[in-house]
N, C-alpha and C. Protein backbone atom coordinates (compact mmCIF):
# COMPACT_ATOMS: atom_id res chain seq x y z
N MET A 1 8.13 108.34 -111.89
CA MET A 1 7.93 107.40 -110.82
C MET A 1 6.66 106.59 -111.04
N LEU A 2 5.68 107.31 -111.52
CA LEU A 2 4.42 106.61 -111.80
C LEU A 2 4.61 105.51 -112.84
N SER A 3 5.36 105.81 -113.86
CA SER A 3 5.58 104.81 -114.88
C SER A 3 6.40 103.65 -114.34
N ALA A 4 7.32 103.92 -113.46
CA ALA A 4 8.10 102.85 -112.88
C ALA A 4 7.25 101.99 -111.98
N PHE A 5 6.34 102.63 -111.25
CA PHE A 5 5.45 101.88 -110.37
C PHE A 5 4.52 100.97 -111.21
N THR A 6 3.96 101.46 -112.26
CA THR A 6 3.09 100.64 -113.11
C THR A 6 3.91 99.58 -113.81
N PHE A 7 5.08 99.94 -114.25
CA PHE A 7 5.91 98.94 -114.89
C PHE A 7 6.30 97.86 -113.93
N GLY A 8 6.51 98.24 -112.71
CA GLY A 8 6.90 97.29 -111.68
C GLY A 8 5.77 96.36 -111.32
N GLN A 9 4.56 96.83 -111.36
CA GLN A 9 3.42 95.96 -111.02
C GLN A 9 3.15 94.98 -112.13
N SER A 10 3.40 95.32 -113.30
CA SER A 10 3.09 94.42 -114.39
C SER A 10 4.03 93.22 -114.41
N LYS A 11 5.20 93.32 -113.79
CA LYS A 11 6.11 92.20 -113.77
C LYS A 11 5.79 91.20 -112.68
N ILE A 12 4.97 91.56 -111.71
CA ILE A 12 4.62 90.64 -110.64
C ILE A 12 3.56 89.68 -111.19
N ASP A 13 3.79 88.42 -111.02
CA ASP A 13 2.85 87.42 -111.52
C ASP A 13 1.77 87.19 -110.48
N TYR A 14 0.56 87.39 -110.89
CA TYR A 14 -0.58 87.14 -110.02
C TYR A 14 -1.30 85.93 -110.55
N PRO A 15 -1.96 85.19 -109.81
CA PRO A 15 -2.10 85.19 -108.37
C PRO A 15 -0.83 84.65 -107.72
N LYS A 16 -0.67 85.08 -106.49
CA LYS A 16 0.47 84.60 -105.71
C LYS A 16 0.04 84.40 -104.27
N ILE A 17 0.75 83.56 -103.58
CA ILE A 17 0.42 83.25 -102.19
C ILE A 17 1.37 84.04 -101.30
N GLU A 18 0.77 84.76 -100.34
CA GLU A 18 1.56 85.54 -99.38
C GLU A 18 1.05 85.25 -97.99
N LYS A 19 1.83 85.68 -97.00
CA LYS A 19 1.43 85.52 -95.60
C LYS A 19 0.90 86.87 -95.14
N ASP A 20 -0.23 86.83 -94.44
CA ASP A 20 -0.78 88.09 -93.93
C ASP A 20 -0.18 88.41 -92.57
N ALA A 21 -0.73 89.40 -91.89
CA ALA A 21 -0.20 89.85 -90.61
C ALA A 21 -0.36 88.78 -89.54
N ASN A 22 -1.36 87.95 -89.63
CA ASN A 22 -1.58 86.88 -88.65
C ASN A 22 -0.76 85.64 -88.98
N GLY A 23 -0.10 85.61 -90.10
CA GLY A 23 0.72 84.48 -90.48
C GLY A 23 -0.03 83.44 -91.29
N GLU A 24 -1.22 83.76 -91.68
CA GLU A 24 -1.98 82.81 -92.50
C GLU A 24 -1.68 83.04 -93.97
N SER A 25 -1.78 81.97 -94.74
CA SER A 25 -1.51 82.08 -96.17
C SER A 25 -2.75 82.65 -96.86
N VAL A 26 -2.50 83.64 -97.72
CA VAL A 26 -3.59 84.24 -98.48
C VAL A 26 -3.18 84.28 -99.94
N VAL A 27 -4.19 84.31 -100.81
CA VAL A 27 -3.93 84.38 -102.24
C VAL A 27 -4.17 85.82 -102.66
N VAL A 28 -3.21 86.39 -103.32
CA VAL A 28 -3.31 87.75 -103.82
C VAL A 28 -3.46 87.65 -105.34
N MET A 29 -4.52 88.37 -105.84
CA MET A 29 -4.76 88.34 -107.28
C MET A 29 -5.33 89.67 -107.71
N THR A 30 -5.38 89.84 -109.01
CA THR A 30 -5.94 91.08 -109.55
C THR A 30 -7.46 90.98 -109.54
N ILE A 31 -8.09 92.17 -109.69
CA ILE A 31 -9.56 92.20 -109.73
C ILE A 31 -10.06 91.41 -110.93
N GLU A 32 -9.39 91.54 -112.04
CA GLU A 32 -9.79 90.77 -113.24
C GLU A 32 -9.72 89.28 -112.97
N GLN A 33 -8.65 88.83 -112.34
CA GLN A 33 -8.52 87.41 -112.02
C GLN A 33 -9.59 86.97 -111.04
N ALA A 34 -9.92 87.82 -110.08
CA ALA A 34 -10.98 87.47 -109.12
C ALA A 34 -12.32 87.36 -109.83
N GLN A 35 -12.57 88.31 -110.77
CA GLN A 35 -13.82 88.24 -111.51
C GLN A 35 -13.87 86.97 -112.37
N LYS A 36 -12.73 86.65 -113.00
CA LYS A 36 -12.69 85.42 -113.80
C LYS A 36 -12.94 84.20 -112.92
N LEU A 37 -12.32 84.18 -111.75
CA LEU A 37 -12.52 83.07 -110.83
C LEU A 37 -13.97 83.00 -110.38
N ASP A 38 -14.57 84.16 -110.10
CA ASP A 38 -15.98 84.19 -109.71
C ASP A 38 -16.85 83.70 -110.85
N ASN A 39 -16.54 84.18 -112.05
CA ASN A 39 -17.30 83.71 -113.23
C ASN A 39 -17.14 82.21 -113.41
N ASN A 40 -15.90 81.74 -113.21
CA ASN A 40 -15.65 80.30 -113.38
C ASN A 40 -16.42 79.48 -112.35
N THR A 41 -16.47 79.98 -111.10
CA THR A 41 -17.24 79.23 -110.10
C THR A 41 -18.73 79.26 -110.44
N ASP A 42 -19.20 80.43 -110.95
CA ASP A 42 -20.60 80.48 -111.41
C ASP A 42 -20.83 79.49 -112.55
N LEU A 43 -19.87 79.47 -113.47
CA LEU A 43 -19.97 78.52 -114.58
C LEU A 43 -19.93 77.08 -114.09
N LEU A 44 -19.08 76.84 -113.07
CA LEU A 44 -18.99 75.49 -112.53
C LEU A 44 -20.35 75.05 -111.98
N ILE A 45 -21.01 75.96 -111.26
CA ILE A 45 -22.34 75.65 -110.72
C ILE A 45 -23.31 75.39 -111.88
N LEU A 46 -23.23 76.27 -112.90
CA LEU A 46 -24.11 76.08 -114.07
C LEU A 46 -23.81 74.76 -114.78
N TYR A 47 -22.52 74.43 -114.89
CA TYR A 47 -22.15 73.15 -115.52
C TYR A 47 -22.66 71.96 -114.72
N LYS A 48 -22.60 72.07 -113.39
CA LYS A 48 -23.14 71.00 -112.55
C LYS A 48 -24.64 70.86 -112.77
N GLN A 49 -25.34 72.02 -112.80
CA GLN A 49 -26.78 71.98 -113.04
C GLN A 49 -27.07 71.40 -114.43
N LEU A 50 -26.27 71.83 -115.40
CA LEU A 50 -26.44 71.32 -116.76
C LEU A 50 -26.20 69.82 -116.80
N GLY A 51 -25.16 69.37 -116.07
CA GLY A 51 -24.90 67.93 -116.02
C GLY A 51 -26.06 67.17 -115.41
N GLU A 52 -26.64 67.74 -114.33
CA GLU A 52 -27.80 67.08 -113.71
C GLU A 52 -28.98 67.08 -114.66
N GLU A 53 -29.19 68.22 -115.35
CA GLU A 53 -30.29 68.27 -116.31
C GLU A 53 -30.07 67.30 -117.46
N CYS A 54 -28.83 67.20 -117.90
CA CYS A 54 -28.52 66.25 -118.98
C CYS A 54 -28.76 64.82 -118.52
N ALA A 55 -28.37 64.53 -117.30
CA ALA A 55 -28.60 63.18 -116.77
C ALA A 55 -30.10 62.92 -116.68
N LEU A 56 -30.85 63.93 -116.22
CA LEU A 56 -32.30 63.78 -116.13
C LEU A 56 -32.90 63.60 -117.52
N ARG A 57 -32.41 64.38 -118.47
CA ARG A 57 -32.89 64.24 -119.85
C ARG A 57 -32.53 62.87 -120.41
N ASP A 58 -31.33 62.40 -120.11
CA ASP A 58 -30.93 61.07 -120.56
C ASP A 58 -31.86 60.01 -119.98
N GLN A 59 -32.17 60.15 -118.69
CA GLN A 59 -33.09 59.19 -118.08
C GLN A 59 -34.46 59.26 -118.73
N LEU A 60 -34.92 60.47 -119.00
CA LEU A 60 -36.22 60.62 -119.66
C LEU A 60 -36.19 60.02 -121.06
N CYS A 61 -35.07 60.26 -121.77
CA CYS A 61 -34.94 59.69 -123.12
C CYS A 61 -34.97 58.16 -123.07
N VAL A 62 -34.24 57.60 -122.10
CA VAL A 62 -34.22 56.15 -121.95
C VAL A 62 -35.63 55.65 -121.63
N LYS A 63 -36.33 56.37 -120.75
CA LYS A 63 -37.69 55.99 -120.40
C LYS A 63 -38.60 56.07 -121.63
N VAL A 64 -38.47 57.15 -122.39
CA VAL A 64 -39.30 57.31 -123.60
C VAL A 64 -39.01 56.19 -124.59
N VAL A 65 -37.73 55.87 -124.78
CA VAL A 65 -37.37 54.79 -125.70
C VAL A 65 -37.93 53.46 -125.20
N ASN A 66 -37.82 53.19 -123.89
CA ASN A 66 -38.38 51.95 -123.34
C ASN A 66 -39.89 51.91 -123.52
N ASP A 67 -40.55 53.05 -123.23
CA ASP A 67 -42.00 53.11 -123.41
C ASP A 67 -42.37 52.90 -124.88
N LYS A 68 -41.58 53.49 -125.77
CA LYS A 68 -41.81 53.33 -127.21
C LYS A 68 -41.69 51.86 -127.59
N ASP A 69 -40.66 51.20 -127.07
CA ASP A 69 -40.48 49.78 -127.37
C ASP A 69 -41.65 48.94 -126.86
N LYS A 70 -42.14 49.29 -125.67
CA LYS A 70 -43.29 48.57 -125.12
C LYS A 70 -44.51 48.79 -125.99
N VAL A 71 -44.73 50.03 -126.41
CA VAL A 71 -45.88 50.35 -127.26
C VAL A 71 -45.76 49.62 -128.59
N ILE A 72 -44.57 49.62 -129.15
CA ILE A 72 -44.36 48.93 -130.43
C ILE A 72 -44.63 47.43 -130.26
N ALA A 73 -44.14 46.86 -129.17
CA ALA A 73 -44.37 45.43 -128.94
C ALA A 73 -45.85 45.15 -128.78
N SER A 74 -46.56 45.98 -128.04
CA SER A 74 -48.01 45.74 -127.88
C SER A 74 -48.73 45.95 -129.19
N GLN A 75 -48.29 46.93 -129.98
CA GLN A 75 -48.93 47.16 -131.28
C GLN A 75 -48.67 45.98 -132.22
N VAL A 76 -47.47 45.42 -132.16
CA VAL A 76 -47.17 44.25 -133.00
C VAL A 76 -48.10 43.09 -132.61
N LEU A 77 -48.30 42.90 -131.29
CA LEU A 77 -49.21 41.84 -130.85
C LEU A 77 -50.63 42.11 -131.32
N GLU A 78 -51.07 43.36 -131.19
CA GLU A 78 -52.42 43.70 -131.62
C GLU A 78 -52.57 43.53 -133.12
N ILE A 79 -51.56 43.91 -133.88
CA ILE A 79 -51.61 43.75 -135.33
C ILE A 79 -51.67 42.28 -135.69
N SER A 80 -50.88 41.45 -135.02
CA SER A 80 -50.92 40.01 -135.33
C SER A 80 -52.28 39.43 -134.98
N LYS A 81 -52.88 39.89 -133.86
CA LYS A 81 -54.22 39.42 -133.51
C LYS A 81 -55.24 39.86 -134.56
N LEU A 82 -55.12 41.10 -135.02
CA LEU A 82 -56.05 41.59 -136.03
C LEU A 82 -55.89 40.83 -137.34
N VAL A 83 -54.66 40.52 -137.71
CA VAL A 83 -54.43 39.73 -138.92
C VAL A 83 -55.05 38.34 -138.76
N GLU A 84 -54.88 37.75 -137.57
CA GLU A 84 -55.47 36.44 -137.30
C GLU A 84 -56.99 36.52 -137.36
N TYR A 85 -57.57 37.57 -136.75
CA TYR A 85 -59.02 37.75 -136.82
C TYR A 85 -59.49 37.94 -138.25
N ASN A 86 -58.71 38.69 -139.02
CA ASN A 86 -59.07 38.91 -140.42
C ASN A 86 -59.04 37.60 -141.20
N ASN A 87 -58.01 36.78 -140.96
CA ASN A 87 -57.93 35.48 -141.63
C ASN A 87 -59.10 34.59 -141.22
N THR A 88 -59.43 34.61 -139.92
CA THR A 88 -60.56 33.82 -139.44
C THR A 88 -61.84 34.31 -140.08
N LYS A 89 -61.98 35.63 -140.16
CA LYS A 89 -63.17 36.22 -140.76
C LYS A 89 -63.28 35.80 -142.23
N GLU A 90 -62.17 35.83 -142.95
CA GLU A 90 -62.17 35.45 -144.36
C GLU A 90 -62.59 33.98 -144.52
N SER A 91 -62.07 33.11 -143.66
CA SER A 91 -62.44 31.69 -143.76
C SER A 91 -63.91 31.50 -143.40
N GLN A 92 -64.41 32.28 -142.43
CA GLN A 92 -65.83 32.19 -142.08
C GLN A 92 -66.69 32.68 -143.23
N ILE A 93 -66.26 33.73 -143.91
CA ILE A 93 -67.01 34.23 -145.07
C ILE A 93 -67.08 33.17 -146.15
N VAL A 94 -65.95 32.51 -146.42
CA VAL A 94 -65.94 31.45 -147.44
C VAL A 94 -66.88 30.32 -147.03
N THR A 95 -66.82 29.93 -145.75
CA THR A 95 -67.70 28.86 -145.26
C THR A 95 -69.16 29.26 -145.39
N LEU A 96 -69.49 30.49 -145.01
CA LEU A 96 -70.87 30.95 -145.13
C LEU A 96 -71.32 31.04 -146.58
N GLN A 97 -70.42 31.45 -147.46
CA GLN A 97 -70.78 31.49 -148.88
C GLN A 97 -71.04 30.09 -149.41
N ASN A 98 -70.23 29.13 -148.98
CA ASN A 98 -70.47 27.73 -149.39
C ASN A 98 -71.81 27.23 -148.85
N THR A 99 -72.12 27.58 -147.61
CA THR A 99 -73.40 27.19 -147.01
C THR A 99 -74.56 27.81 -147.77
N ILE A 100 -74.42 29.08 -148.13
CA ILE A 100 -75.48 29.75 -148.90
C ILE A 100 -75.66 29.07 -150.26
N THR A 101 -74.58 28.72 -150.89
CA THR A 101 -74.66 28.03 -152.19
C THR A 101 -75.36 26.69 -152.03
N GLU A 102 -75.02 25.96 -150.96
CA GLU A 102 -75.69 24.67 -150.71
C GLU A 102 -77.19 24.88 -150.49
N TYR A 103 -77.57 25.89 -149.71
CA TYR A 103 -78.99 26.17 -149.47
C TYR A 103 -79.70 26.56 -150.77
N GLN A 104 -79.02 27.34 -151.60
CA GLN A 104 -79.63 27.72 -152.88
C GLN A 104 -79.83 26.49 -153.76
N ASN A 105 -78.86 25.60 -153.76
CA ASN A 105 -79.00 24.35 -154.54
C ASN A 105 -80.15 23.51 -154.00
N LYS A 106 -80.24 23.41 -152.68
CA LYS A 106 -81.34 22.65 -152.07
C LYS A 106 -82.69 23.27 -152.39
N CYS A 107 -82.75 24.61 -152.35
CA CYS A 107 -84.01 25.30 -152.66
C CYS A 107 -84.41 25.04 -154.11
N SER A 108 -83.46 25.13 -155.03
CA SER A 108 -83.80 24.88 -156.44
C SER A 108 -84.22 23.43 -156.64
N LEU A 109 -83.59 22.50 -155.92
CA LEU A 109 -83.98 21.09 -156.00
C LEU A 109 -85.39 20.89 -155.44
N LEU A 110 -85.69 21.56 -154.32
CA LEU A 110 -87.02 21.46 -153.73
C LEU A 110 -88.08 22.07 -154.65
N VAL A 111 -87.76 23.18 -155.29
CA VAL A 111 -88.71 23.79 -156.24
C VAL A 111 -88.96 22.83 -157.41
N ALA A 112 -87.89 22.21 -157.90
CA ALA A 112 -88.05 21.24 -158.99
C ALA A 112 -88.90 20.06 -158.53
N GLN A 113 -88.68 19.58 -157.31
CA GLN A 113 -89.48 18.46 -156.79
C GLN A 113 -90.94 18.87 -156.63
N VAL A 114 -91.19 20.07 -156.16
CA VAL A 114 -92.57 20.55 -156.01
C VAL A 114 -93.24 20.62 -157.39
N ASP A 115 -92.51 21.13 -158.38
CA ASP A 115 -93.06 21.19 -159.74
C ASP A 115 -93.38 19.80 -160.27
N ASN A 116 -92.47 18.85 -160.02
CA ASN A 116 -92.71 17.47 -160.46
C ASN A 116 -93.91 16.88 -159.75
N ARG A 117 -94.05 17.12 -158.47
CA ARG A 117 -95.20 16.58 -157.73
C ARG A 117 -96.50 17.21 -158.21
N GLN A 118 -96.42 18.49 -158.54
CA GLN A 118 -97.62 19.15 -159.06
C GLN A 118 -98.03 18.52 -160.38
N LYS A 119 -97.05 18.18 -161.22
CA LYS A 119 -97.35 17.50 -162.48
C LYS A 119 -97.98 16.14 -162.21
N VAL A 120 -97.41 15.41 -161.23
CA VAL A 120 -97.94 14.08 -160.87
C VAL A 120 -99.37 14.23 -160.36
N VAL A 121 -99.61 15.22 -159.51
CA VAL A 121 -100.95 15.44 -158.96
C VAL A 121 -101.93 15.77 -160.09
N THR A 122 -101.49 16.62 -161.03
CA THR A 122 -102.35 16.98 -162.16
C THR A 122 -102.69 15.74 -162.99
N GLU A 123 -101.68 14.90 -163.24
CA GLU A 123 -101.93 13.67 -164.01
C GLU A 123 -102.87 12.74 -163.26
N LYS A 124 -102.67 12.61 -161.96
CA LYS A 124 -103.54 11.73 -161.16
C LYS A 124 -104.98 12.26 -161.16
N ASP A 125 -105.12 13.64 -161.03
CA ASP A 125 -106.46 14.22 -161.09
C ASP A 125 -107.12 13.92 -162.43
N LEU A 126 -106.34 14.01 -163.50
CA LEU A 126 -106.87 13.70 -164.83
C LEU A 126 -107.29 12.25 -164.92
N GLN A 127 -106.45 11.34 -164.43
CA GLN A 127 -106.78 9.91 -164.44
C GLN A 127 -108.01 9.63 -163.60
N ILE A 128 -108.08 10.29 -162.43
CA ILE A 128 -109.25 10.08 -161.56
C ILE A 128 -110.50 10.58 -162.26
N GLY A 129 -110.42 11.70 -162.96
CA GLY A 129 -111.57 12.21 -163.73
C GLY A 129 -112.00 11.23 -164.79
N ILE A 130 -111.01 10.69 -165.48
CA ILE A 130 -111.31 9.70 -166.54
C ILE A 130 -111.97 8.47 -165.92
N LEU A 131 -111.41 8.00 -164.78
CA LEU A 131 -111.98 6.82 -164.13
C LEU A 131 -113.39 7.12 -163.61
N LYS A 132 -113.64 8.28 -163.10
CA LYS A 132 -114.97 8.64 -162.61
C LYS A 132 -115.97 8.63 -163.76
N SER A 133 -115.54 9.23 -164.87
CA SER A 133 -116.48 9.23 -166.01
C SER A 133 -116.71 7.81 -166.52
N ARG A 134 -115.69 6.97 -166.49
CA ARG A 134 -115.86 5.57 -166.90
C ARG A 134 -116.83 4.88 -165.95
N PHE A 135 -116.64 5.12 -164.62
CA PHE A 135 -117.54 4.49 -163.66
C PHE A 135 -118.97 4.97 -163.87
N ARG A 136 -119.13 6.22 -164.19
CA ARG A 136 -120.48 6.74 -164.42
C ARG A 136 -121.11 6.05 -165.63
N TRP A 137 -120.33 6.03 -166.70
CA TRP A 137 -120.87 5.41 -167.91
C TRP A 137 -121.05 3.90 -167.70
N THR A 138 -120.16 3.32 -166.97
CA THR A 138 -120.31 1.89 -166.69
C THR A 138 -121.54 1.68 -165.81
N GLY A 139 -121.73 2.54 -164.82
CA GLY A 139 -122.90 2.44 -163.94
C GLY A 139 -124.18 2.66 -164.72
N ILE A 140 -124.15 3.65 -165.60
CA ILE A 140 -125.34 3.92 -166.42
C ILE A 140 -125.61 2.73 -167.33
N GLY A 141 -124.55 2.24 -167.95
CA GLY A 141 -124.71 1.06 -168.86
C GLY A 141 -125.20 -0.15 -168.09
N ALA A 142 -124.64 -0.38 -166.87
CA ALA A 142 -125.09 -1.53 -166.07
C ALA A 142 -126.53 -1.32 -165.64
N GLY A 143 -126.90 -0.08 -165.32
CA GLY A 143 -128.28 0.22 -164.92
C GLY A 143 -129.23 -0.03 -166.08
N VAL A 144 -128.82 0.37 -167.27
CA VAL A 144 -129.66 0.15 -168.45
C VAL A 144 -129.80 -1.34 -168.69
N ILE A 145 -128.71 -2.05 -168.59
CA ILE A 145 -128.76 -3.51 -168.82
C ILE A 145 -129.63 -4.16 -167.75
N ILE A 146 -129.46 -3.79 -166.52
CA ILE A 146 -130.28 -4.38 -165.45
C ILE A 146 -131.74 -4.04 -165.68
N THR A 147 -131.99 -2.81 -166.06
CA THR A 147 -133.37 -2.42 -166.30
C THR A 147 -133.95 -3.21 -167.48
N VAL A 148 -133.20 -3.33 -168.54
CA VAL A 148 -133.67 -4.09 -169.70
C VAL A 148 -133.85 -5.54 -169.31
N LEU A 149 -132.95 -6.11 -168.59
CA LEU A 149 -133.09 -7.53 -168.20
C LEU A 149 -134.26 -7.70 -167.24
N THR A 150 -134.39 -6.77 -166.31
CA THR A 150 -135.51 -6.88 -165.38
C THR A 150 -136.81 -6.72 -166.18
N THR A 151 -136.85 -5.80 -167.06
CA THR A 151 -138.07 -5.64 -167.86
C THR A 151 -138.28 -6.90 -168.70
N LEU A 152 -137.33 -7.46 -169.28
CA LEU A 152 -137.48 -8.68 -170.05
C LEU A 152 -137.93 -9.82 -169.14
N LEU A 153 -137.44 -9.87 -168.01
CA LEU A 153 -137.83 -10.94 -167.09
C LEU A 153 -139.27 -10.73 -166.64
N ILE A 154 -139.60 -9.56 -166.41
CA ILE A 154 -140.95 -9.29 -165.97
C ILE A 154 -141.91 -9.57 -167.15
N ILE A 155 -141.59 -9.23 -168.26
CA ILE A 155 -142.44 -9.44 -169.41
C ILE A 155 -142.50 -10.94 -169.72
N LYS A 156 -141.69 -11.59 -169.56
CA LYS A 156 -141.75 -13.00 -169.88
C LYS A 156 -142.30 -13.72 -168.76
């Protein structure tokens, strides 16, 4: 009888809907099916939470990508500004080097002019010395002549 009872239960398909004593519809199922259903509802809750977390992660990923794009755009602008500053700096260096070269040329020209003027001054000093000695000798000669003439005039 026991085997017939177990054999008989295995042929009944669960879950099934039956009416209880109050006339309400109830679902009859095995304990295994109830546990599976409970596990499935737990999984459903977990899947919903996972879906929400995935959506949150997706939003965070989108935000990170947008922030990354903004940072890249600002870095590109900063890099272009730095390249422009570098080019400006290079042109200023070339300009300053040209200015330094011009000043060096002017300095060498001024040194050459100073040397030439010193030569001119030396020559003029030499000429003035020669002229002074000529004036002295001329003055001495004129004094001797005047003295001789005055003496001759006085004697005569």
